[in-house]
Amino acid sequence: MSDRSPSLRDSFNSRWGFILACIGSAVGMGNIWRFPIMVSRYGGLTYLIPYVLFVILIGSTGVIEEFALGRAAGAGPVGAFGMCTAMHGKRKVGEAIGAIPVIGSLGLAIGYTVVMGWIFRYTFLAYSGGLTAMGQDMDVIGGSFGATASAWGANTWIIVAIIVTFIIMVLGVSGGIEKVNKVLMPALFGLFLVLAIYIATLPGSGDGYRYIFTLNPRGLADPNVWIFAFGQAFFSLSVAGNGSIIYGSYLSRDEAIPSSARNVALFDTLAALLATIVILPAMAAGGVSCDSSGPGLMFIYLVNVFNGMAIGRIVGIVFFTCVLFAGITSIVNLYEVSVAFLQERVHFKRLPATALILLFGGIVATCIQAITSQWMDVVSIYICPLGALLAGIMFFWVAGRDFVEEQASLGSGKKIGKWFFPLGKYVYCICALIALVAGAVLGGIG
């Protein structure tokens, strides 16, 4: 039943290496950029309540499902979907459908590459003093970001992002991805915690905390709040029928998937909350309205705020270092799906597979700089949610209950609860369908 090929497949060396890599794939722009934007836009606790509820739902169904599906197949989405339909004599159908999340992951990785170019540039400016030199002149700060995010505006930094990603990935799963996440993830949480403590001491930061923890009961009646909270939970937990499946495919059969999924959901949410209690109180302390949102939140408003602080240069260095760490760990996971596809289906060795995918990604990323937001909207609103829905259908509907419960329980020492299958088959899959349709109708977050 498994497509696992020992000659081609690497694996994680430790349980915490796997968990940290999965946390790294989930903790990215979804947490540090998009999550504070959503909390800002929809009013603090009014948004946090539905978001946490959806994280619990997805963490206890979708995350477990994608880890278990990948591990059972020993392959990425193409092999995993093919394994499910092979139970009904239709392997090729599943393999063809499995190409959708692979394309989605590559599309998201390409858009992410552009954003990583911006982040590498701003991290360099933070260390070199370039951000501090802008002062608090909003025309200068805004003009700098406008130039960076324009067509051909970040060419050099996109190349830097591709080179760093290549170095990590070519070292393999255990030698590169696992080792990097073991260093970067604890460092990210530690640095963000230091920033949060410092921001809490600033005059005016209390307004930011009040905004975050204010509940507007009328806001809970707004369907947009629930729809976008659900979409954000998918995006943040890296559930899209690709990245979690491929990391699951590298997981030992002795590991308990439900506990790993809980840890990923917990630490991913903590990272999002840490980013929020850094960014919004910092904005409040700097006199910027907490309902400001969009890409300018990180690259314009926060730069202005940091430059108004007594130790703003240090704060900027720490902040953009955190963002860089989160971005690197996420982009590696996104590209890994396509690299693994070439290894599994075309039998490329890791070095040429990585080189080919990253060369293609870098070229396309360079060409789409002027339409990055639209590119990311199309991929994140349509292709990634569709991948998550398809993975759910393959696991819960096509593979069947016996297979689902066996694979989700493997390595746990006890059978997963009877609640898991109906919750995943009906509640999770139906919610994923609603999120896909609603997201397509409502569009992006702006």
Protein backbone atom coordinates (compact mmCIF):
# COMPACT_ATOMS: atom_id res chain seq x y z
CA MET A 1 0.00 0.00 0.00
CA SER A 2 2.85 2.39 0.72
CA ASP A 3 4.79 4.22 -1.97
CA ARG A 4 7.75 4.57 0.37
CA SER A 5 11.12 4.16 -1.28
CA PRO A 6 13.94 3.83 1.27
CA SER A 7 16.56 4.69 -1.36
CA LEU A 8 14.98 8.08 -2.04
CA ARG A 9 13.45 9.16 1.23
CA ASP A 10 15.16 10.94 4.08
CA SER A 11 13.55 11.19 7.52
CA PHE A 12 13.56 13.18 10.74
CA ASN A 13 16.02 11.99 13.38
CA SER A 14 13.89 12.87 16.41
CA ARG A 15 10.32 13.51 17.46
CA TRP A 16 11.06 17.10 18.47
CA GLY A 17 12.95 17.64 15.25
CA PHE A 18 9.78 16.71 13.38
CA ILE A 19 7.56 18.86 15.62
CA LEU A 20 9.85 21.88 15.35
CA ALA A 21 10.01 21.50 11.58
CA CYS A 22 6.21 21.37 11.40
CA ILE A 23 5.95 24.38 13.71
CA GLY A 24 8.47 26.12 11.46
CA SER A 25 6.39 25.37 8.38
CA ALA A 26 3.29 26.76 10.10
CA VAL A 27 4.90 29.77 11.80
CA GLY A 28 5.48 32.26 9.02
CA MET A 29 3.85 35.27 7.44
CA GLY A 30 0.50 33.76 8.37
CA ASN A 31 1.35 34.41 12.01
CA ILE A 32 3.55 37.48 11.96
CA TRP A 33 2.00 39.46 9.14
CA ARG A 34 -1.49 38.21 8.40
CA PHE A 35 -2.69 37.25 11.90
CA PRO A 36 -2.07 40.68 13.50
CA ILE A 37 -3.74 42.25 10.44
CA MET A 38 -6.85 40.14 11.01
CA VAL A 39 -6.91 40.83 14.75
CA SER A 40 -6.47 44.51 13.93
CA ARG A 41 -9.19 44.53 11.28
CA TYR A 42 -11.85 42.53 13.11
CA GLY A 43 -11.42 43.85 16.62
CA GLY A 44 -9.25 41.87 19.02
CA LEU A 45 -11.04 39.24 21.07
CA THR A 46 -13.98 39.35 18.65
CA TYR A 47 -11.69 37.68 16.14
CA LEU A 48 -9.59 35.62 18.56
CA ILE A 49 -12.53 33.60 19.90
CA PRO A 50 -13.60 32.07 16.56
CA TYR A 51 -9.96 31.70 15.53
CA VAL A 52 -9.06 29.60 18.58
CA LEU A 53 -12.17 27.46 18.11
CA PHE A 54 -11.19 26.74 14.51
CA VAL A 55 -7.58 25.99 15.49
CA ILE A 56 -8.91 23.36 17.90
CA LEU A 57 -11.09 21.87 15.15
CA ILE A 58 -8.37 21.81 12.49
CA GLY A 59 -5.64 20.74 14.92
CA SER A 60 -7.69 17.74 16.04
CA THR A 61 -8.74 16.70 12.53
CA GLY A 62 -6.96 18.25 9.53
CA VAL A 63 -3.44 18.33 10.96
CA ILE A 64 -3.69 14.72 12.18
CA GLU A 65 -5.20 13.71 8.84
CA GLU A 66 -2.42 15.21 6.72
CA PHE A 67 0.39 13.86 8.93
CA ALA A 68 -1.18 10.37 8.92
CA LEU A 69 -1.89 10.41 5.18
CA GLY A 70 1.69 11.35 4.35
CA ARG A 71 3.16 8.78 6.73
CA ALA A 72 0.91 5.98 5.45
CA ALA A 73 1.94 6.62 1.83
CA GLY A 74 5.54 7.52 2.51
CA ALA A 75 5.02 10.09 -0.22
CA GLY A 76 3.77 13.59 -1.00
CA PRO A 77 0.27 14.49 -2.22
CA VAL A 78 0.53 12.70 -5.58
CA GLY A 79 1.57 9.38 -4.05
CA ALA A 80 -0.74 9.79 -1.03
CA PHE A 81 -3.85 10.55 -3.08
CA GLY A 82 -2.93 7.74 -5.47
CA MET A 83 -2.68 5.34 -2.54
CA CYS A 84 -6.21 6.25 -1.40
CA THR A 85 -7.83 5.80 -4.82
CA ALA A 86 -5.80 2.62 -5.45
CA MET A 87 -7.99 1.00 -2.80
CA HIS A 88 -10.77 1.32 -5.38
CA GLY A 89 -8.62 0.41 -8.39
CA LYS A 90 -8.14 4.00 -9.56
CA ARG A 91 -4.61 4.99 -8.58
CA LYS A 92 -4.04 7.25 -11.60
CA VAL A 93 -7.10 9.34 -10.76
CA GLY A 94 -5.79 10.05 -7.28
CA GLU A 95 -2.31 10.84 -8.58
CA ALA A 96 -3.75 13.34 -11.07
CA ILE A 97 -5.78 15.02 -8.34
CA GLY A 98 -2.70 15.06 -6.10
CA ALA A 99 -1.01 17.40 -8.57
CA ILE A 100 -3.34 20.22 -7.44
CA PRO A 101 -1.83 20.70 -3.95
CA VAL A 102 1.68 20.30 -5.41
CA ILE A 103 0.95 23.18 -7.79
CA GLY A 104 -0.58 25.14 -4.92
CA SER A 105 2.49 24.68 -2.75
CA LEU A 106 4.82 25.75 -5.55
CA GLY A 107 2.64 28.76 -6.35
CA LEU A 108 2.61 29.83 -2.71
CA ALA A 109 6.38 29.26 -2.45
CA ILE A 110 6.96 31.53 -5.44
CA GLY A 111 4.89 34.33 -3.93
CA TYR A 112 6.61 33.76 -0.59
CA THR A 113 9.98 34.10 -2.34
CA VAL A 114 9.11 37.67 -3.29
CA VAL A 115 8.07 38.48 0.27
CA MET A 116 11.25 36.84 1.56
CA GLY A 117 13.20 39.18 -0.73
CA TRP A 118 11.53 42.11 1.03
CA ILE A 119 12.30 40.60 4.43
CA PHE A 120 15.96 39.94 3.66
CA ARG A 121 16.33 43.56 2.48
CA TYR A 122 14.64 44.99 5.58
CA THR A 123 16.66 42.74 7.88
CA PHE A 124 19.83 44.01 6.20
CA LEU A 125 18.63 47.62 6.56
CA ALA A 126 17.87 47.00 10.25
CA TYR A 127 21.39 45.75 10.94
CA SER A 128 23.14 48.34 8.74
CA GLY A 129 21.23 51.30 10.18
CA GLY A 130 19.33 51.99 6.97
CA LEU A 131 15.94 51.77 8.66
CA THR A 132 16.99 54.12 11.45
CA ALA A 133 18.29 56.61 8.87
CA MET A 134 14.76 56.93 7.44
CA GLY A 135 13.66 58.57 10.69
CA GLN A 136 9.91 59.11 10.98
CA ASP A 137 9.36 60.67 7.59
CA MET A 138 6.44 58.61 6.27
CA ASP A 139 7.13 59.70 2.70
CA VAL A 140 10.65 58.28 2.94
CA ILE A 141 9.54 55.09 4.73
CA GLY A 142 6.62 54.52 2.38
CA GLY A 143 8.74 55.32 -0.66
CA SER A 144 11.35 52.78 0.39
CA PHE A 145 8.78 50.01 0.66
CA GLY A 146 7.10 51.10 -2.56
CA ALA A 147 10.41 50.82 -4.40
CA THR A 148 11.13 47.42 -2.82
CA ALA A 149 7.69 45.99 -3.66
CA SER A 150 7.62 47.31 -7.23
CA ALA A 151 8.41 45.45 -10.44
CA TRP A 152 12.08 44.33 -10.35
CA GLY A 153 12.45 46.14 -7.02
CA ALA A 154 13.92 43.28 -4.96
CA ASN A 155 15.86 41.29 -7.58
CA THR A 156 19.07 40.98 -5.56
CA TRP A 157 17.25 40.01 -2.38
CA ILE A 158 15.15 37.39 -4.13
CA ILE A 159 18.41 35.79 -5.27
CA VAL A 160 19.65 35.88 -1.66
CA ALA A 161 16.43 34.20 -0.48
CA ILE A 162 16.79 31.48 -3.12
CA ILE A 163 20.46 30.82 -2.24
CA VAL A 164 19.76 30.53 1.51
CA THR A 165 16.80 28.23 0.86
CA PHE A 166 18.88 26.08 -1.51
CA ILE A 167 21.69 25.65 1.03
CA ILE A 168 19.26 24.45 3.70
CA MET A 169 17.28 22.15 1.45
CA VAL A 170 20.15 20.49 -0.38
CA LEU A 171 21.47 19.24 2.98
CA GLY A 172 18.35 17.08 3.25
CA VAL A 173 15.54 16.58 5.74
CA SER A 174 17.61 15.59 8.78
CA GLY A 175 20.83 17.38 7.83
CA GLY A 176 19.27 20.66 6.73
CA ILE A 177 15.58 21.18 7.48
CA GLU A 178 15.53 19.53 10.91
CA LYS A 179 18.78 21.12 12.14
CA VAL A 180 17.81 24.62 10.99
CA ASN A 181 14.39 24.42 12.67
CA LYS A 182 15.97 23.17 15.92
CA VAL A 183 17.93 26.42 16.05
CA LEU A 184 15.58 28.97 14.48
CA MET A 185 12.31 28.04 16.19
CA PRO A 186 13.54 28.30 19.82
CA ALA A 187 15.42 31.48 18.85
CA LEU A 188 12.28 32.98 17.30
CA PHE A 189 10.16 32.35 20.40
CA GLY A 190 12.89 33.65 22.69
CA LEU A 191 13.42 36.85 20.70
CA PHE A 192 9.70 37.52 20.41
CA LEU A 193 9.30 37.04 24.16
CA VAL A 194 12.07 39.60 24.81
CA LEU A 195 10.37 42.03 22.42
CA ALA A 196 6.99 41.51 24.09
CA ILE A 197 8.44 42.30 27.53
CA TYR A 198 10.14 45.45 26.23
CA ILE A 199 7.03 46.70 24.39
CA ALA A 200 4.97 46.22 27.58
CA THR A 201 7.14 48.81 29.35
CA LEU A 202 6.43 51.56 26.80
CA PRO A 203 3.96 54.35 27.62
CA GLY A 204 0.77 53.96 25.63
CA SER A 205 1.19 50.24 24.92
CA GLY A 206 -1.76 49.50 27.20
CA ASP A 207 -4.14 50.76 24.50
CA GLY A 208 -2.88 47.96 22.27
CA TYR A 209 -3.61 45.30 24.88
CA ARG A 210 -7.07 46.75 25.48
CA TYR A 211 -7.73 46.59 21.74
CA ILE A 212 -6.57 42.96 21.54
CA PHE A 213 -8.69 41.79 24.47
CA THR A 214 -11.84 43.80 23.74
CA LEU A 215 -14.92 41.80 22.81
CA ASN A 216 -17.64 43.25 20.60
CA PRO A 217 -20.63 40.87 20.84
CA ARG A 218 -22.15 42.38 17.71
CA GLY A 219 -18.96 41.59 15.83
CA LEU A 220 -19.46 37.89 16.56
CA ALA A 221 -22.64 38.06 14.49
CA ASP A 222 -20.63 39.13 11.44
CA PRO A 223 -20.17 36.05 9.20
CA ASN A 224 -16.99 37.59 7.75
CA VAL A 225 -15.31 37.28 11.14
CA TRP A 226 -15.97 33.54 11.25
CA ILE A 227 -15.14 32.92 7.60
CA PHE A 228 -11.83 34.76 7.73
CA ALA A 229 -10.96 33.23 11.11
CA PHE A 230 -11.44 29.77 9.61
CA GLY A 231 -9.42 30.64 6.52
CA GLN A 232 -6.64 32.09 8.67
CA ALA A 233 -6.55 28.96 10.84
CA PHE A 234 -6.04 26.83 7.69
CA PHE A 235 -3.36 29.20 6.40
CA SER A 236 -1.59 29.49 9.74
CA LEU A 237 -1.54 25.75 10.52
CA SER A 238 -0.14 24.98 7.05
CA VAL A 239 -3.05 22.69 6.19
CA ALA A 240 -3.34 22.76 2.41
CA GLY A 241 -2.96 19.15 1.31
CA ASN A 242 0.78 19.57 0.71
CA GLY A 243 3.34 20.70 3.33
CA SER A 244 1.96 18.73 6.28
CA ILE A 245 1.56 15.63 4.10
CA ILE A 246 5.16 15.79 2.90
CA TYR A 247 6.55 16.29 6.44
CA GLY A 248 4.31 13.46 7.65
CA SER A 249 5.83 11.25 4.95
CA TYR A 250 9.23 11.64 6.66
CA LEU A 251 7.81 10.65 10.06
CA SER A 252 8.64 7.38 11.84
CA ARG A 253 5.78 4.92 12.31
CA ASP A 254 6.63 4.83 16.00
CA GLU A 255 5.60 8.44 16.59
CA ALA A 256 2.19 9.40 17.98
CA ILE A 257 0.62 11.76 15.48
CA PRO A 258 -2.21 13.19 17.66
CA SER A 259 0.23 14.50 20.28
CA SER A 260 2.48 15.95 17.55
CA ALA A 261 -0.52 17.69 16.00
CA ARG A 262 -1.49 19.18 19.37
CA ASN A 263 2.02 20.56 19.85
CA VAL A 264 2.06 22.08 16.37
CA ALA A 265 -1.34 23.74 16.89
CA LEU A 266 -0.36 25.00 20.35
CA PHE A 267 2.99 26.53 19.44
CA ASP A 268 1.71 27.92 16.16
CA THR A 269 -1.05 29.75 18.04
CA LEU A 270 1.41 30.96 20.69
CA ALA A 271 3.61 32.39 17.93
CA ALA A 272 0.65 34.21 16.41
CA LEU A 273 -0.38 35.63 19.80
CA LEU A 274 3.21 36.65 20.58
CA ALA A 275 3.43 38.50 17.27
CA THR A 276 0.14 40.23 18.01
CA ILE A 277 1.08 41.36 21.52
CA VAL A 278 4.30 42.75 20.07
CA ILE A 279 2.90 44.50 17.00
CA LEU A 280 -0.37 46.05 18.14
CA PRO A 281 0.90 47.45 21.49
CA ALA A 282 3.97 48.77 19.65
CA MET A 283 1.66 50.55 17.24
CA ALA A 284 -0.36 51.97 20.13
CA ALA A 285 2.82 53.16 21.87
CA GLY A 286 3.87 54.83 18.62
CA GLY A 287 0.57 56.62 18.21
CA VAL A 288 -0.57 54.52 15.24
CA SER A 289 -4.18 53.33 15.15
CA CYS A 290 -4.52 49.65 16.02
CA ASP A 291 -6.95 49.11 13.14
CA SER A 292 -4.32 49.95 10.52
CA SER A 293 -3.65 46.94 8.32
CA GLY A 294 -2.23 45.67 5.04
CA PRO A 295 1.40 45.09 4.02
CA GLY A 296 2.25 48.53 5.37
CA LEU A 297 1.66 47.26 8.88
CA MET A 298 5.09 45.60 8.94
CA PHE A 299 7.14 47.53 6.42
CA ILE A 300 5.84 51.08 6.93
CA TYR A 301 3.93 51.64 10.18
CA LEU A 302 6.19 49.51 12.36
CA VAL A 303 9.37 51.02 10.90
CA ASN A 304 7.97 54.43 11.82
CA VAL A 305 7.16 53.19 15.33
CA PHE A 306 10.57 51.60 15.86
CA ASN A 307 12.34 54.78 14.72
CA GLY A 308 10.48 56.70 17.40
CA MET A 309 11.74 54.46 20.22
CA ALA A 310 14.80 55.13 22.35
CA ILE A 311 16.36 51.79 21.34
CA GLY A 312 14.45 51.53 18.09
CA ARG A 313 17.38 50.23 16.08
CA ILE A 314 17.80 47.24 18.41
CA VAL A 315 14.05 46.59 18.41
CA GLY A 316 14.02 46.68 14.61
CA ILE A 317 16.94 44.26 14.43
CA VAL A 318 15.25 41.78 16.78
CA PHE A 319 11.87 42.10 15.07
CA PHE A 320 13.07 41.59 11.51
CA THR A 321 15.36 38.76 12.65
CA CYS A 322 12.25 37.02 14.02
CA VAL A 323 10.38 37.62 10.77
CA LEU A 324 13.35 36.28 8.80
CA PHE A 325 13.55 33.11 10.90
CA ALA A 326 9.81 32.47 10.48
CA GLY A 327 9.96 33.09 6.75
CA ILE A 328 12.92 30.79 6.12
CA THR A 329 11.36 27.82 7.91
CA SER A 330 8.09 28.27 6.01
CA ILE A 331 9.53 28.71 2.53
CA VAL A 332 11.64 25.57 2.95
CA ASN A 333 8.49 23.54 3.64
CA LEU A 334 6.65 25.03 0.66
CA TYR A 335 9.43 24.20 -1.79
CA GLU A 336 10.00 20.76 -0.23
CA VAL A 337 6.70 19.50 -1.69
CA SER A 338 7.86 20.10 -5.26
CA VAL A 339 11.39 18.86 -4.61
CA ALA A 340 10.01 15.63 -3.12
CA PHE A 341 7.72 15.27 -6.15
CA LEU A 342 10.70 15.27 -8.51
CA GLN A 343 12.51 12.78 -6.28
CA GLU A 344 9.51 10.43 -6.01
CA ARG A 345 7.97 10.58 -9.47
CA VAL A 346 10.90 11.52 -11.76
CA HIS A 347 13.60 9.88 -9.60
CA PHE A 348 15.85 12.94 -9.49
CA LYS A 349 18.53 13.05 -6.84
CA ARG A 350 18.05 15.72 -4.18
CA LEU A 351 20.62 18.24 -5.43
CA PRO A 352 19.36 18.54 -9.04
CA ALA A 353 15.73 18.41 -7.90
CA THR A 354 16.31 21.26 -5.44
CA ALA A 355 18.32 23.27 -7.95
CA LEU A 356 15.69 22.92 -10.69
CA ILE A 357 12.72 23.84 -8.48
CA LEU A 358 14.45 26.82 -6.85
CA LEU A 359 15.78 28.09 -10.19
CA PHE A 360 12.26 27.99 -11.61
CA GLY A 361 10.82 29.56 -8.44
CA GLY A 362 13.39 32.34 -8.41
CA ILE A 363 12.83 33.25 -12.08
CA VAL A 364 9.04 33.38 -11.73
CA ALA A 365 9.27 35.27 -8.41
CA THR A 366 11.45 37.91 -10.03
CA CYS A 367 8.90 38.37 -12.83
CA ILE A 368 5.78 38.64 -10.63
CA GLN A 369 6.99 41.28 -8.17
CA ALA A 370 4.47 43.87 -9.36
CA ILE A 371 1.53 41.48 -8.85
CA THR A 372 2.63 39.66 -5.70
CA SER A 373 -0.52 40.49 -3.71
CA GLN A 374 -2.82 39.29 -6.48
CA TRP A 375 -0.69 36.18 -6.99
CA MET A 376 -0.84 35.31 -3.28
CA ASP A 377 -4.60 35.92 -3.21
CA VAL A 378 -5.27 33.51 -6.08
CA VAL A 379 -3.11 30.77 -4.58
CA SER A 380 -4.19 31.17 -0.95
CA ILE A 381 -7.90 31.72 -1.65
CA TYR A 382 -8.43 29.03 -4.29
CA ILE A 383 -5.67 26.45 -4.73
CA CYS A 384 -4.50 25.90 -1.13
CA PRO A 385 -8.00 25.56 0.43
CA LEU A 386 -8.93 23.24 -2.44
CA GLY A 387 -5.86 21.12 -1.64
CA ALA A 388 -6.89 20.89 2.01
CA LEU A 389 -10.42 19.86 1.05
CA LEU A 390 -9.18 17.23 -1.41
CA ALA A 391 -6.82 15.75 1.19
CA GLY A 392 -9.70 15.55 3.66
CA ILE A 393 -11.91 13.83 1.09
CA MET A 394 -9.18 11.34 0.17
CA PHE A 395 -8.46 10.41 3.78
CA PHE A 396 -11.90 10.44 5.39
CA TRP A 397 -14.19 9.64 2.45
CA VAL A 398 -12.13 7.57 0.00
CA ALA A 399 -9.79 5.59 2.28
CA GLY A 400 -12.52 4.69 4.77
CA ARG A 401 -12.93 4.46 8.52
CA ASP A 402 -10.78 1.40 9.24
CA PHE A 403 -7.79 2.87 7.40
CA VAL A 404 -8.30 6.30 9.01
CA GLU A 405 -8.42 5.01 12.57
CA GLU A 406 -5.51 2.62 12.05
CA GLN A 407 -3.21 5.28 10.59
CA ALA A 408 -4.17 8.00 13.08
CA SER A 409 -3.60 5.59 15.99
CA LEU A 410 -0.30 4.15 14.76
CA GLY A 411 2.50 4.82 17.26
CA SER A 412 0.13 6.11 19.97
CA GLY A 413 -0.23 2.89 21.93
CA LYS A 414 -4.02 3.31 21.92
CA LYS A 415 -6.75 3.71 19.36
CA ILE A 416 -7.83 7.23 18.53
CA GLY A 417 -11.25 8.21 19.90
CA LYS A 418 -14.44 7.33 18.04
CA TRP A 419 -15.09 11.07 17.68
CA PHE A 420 -12.21 11.53 15.24
CA PHE A 421 -13.68 9.95 12.12
CA PRO A 422 -17.13 11.62 12.12
CA LEU A 423 -15.65 14.97 13.18
CA GLY A 424 -13.16 14.83 10.34
CA LYS A 425 -15.46 13.37 7.70
CA TYR A 426 -18.41 15.65 8.26
CA VAL A 427 -17.56 18.75 10.31
CA TYR A 428 -14.01 19.35 9.05
CA CYS A 429 -14.65 18.56 5.38
CA ILE A 430 -17.91 20.51 5.24
CA CYS A 431 -16.28 23.51 6.97
CA ALA A 432 -13.37 23.30 4.51
CA LEU A 433 -15.84 23.39 1.61
CA ILE A 434 -17.65 26.38 3.11
CA ALA A 435 -14.34 28.18 3.67
CA LEU A 436 -13.28 27.53 0.08
CA VAL A 437 -16.53 28.83 -1.40
CA ALA A 438 -16.78 31.78 0.99
CA GLY A 439 -13.15 32.75 0.47
CA ALA A 440 -13.63 32.69 -3.31
CA VAL A 441 -16.75 34.86 -3.04
CA LEU A 442 -15.35 37.37 -0.55
CA GLY A 443 -11.83 37.58 -1.99
CA GLY A 444 -8.63 38.28 -0.03
CA ILE A 445 -7.98 40.30 3.07
CA GLY A 446 -6.69 43.29 1.18
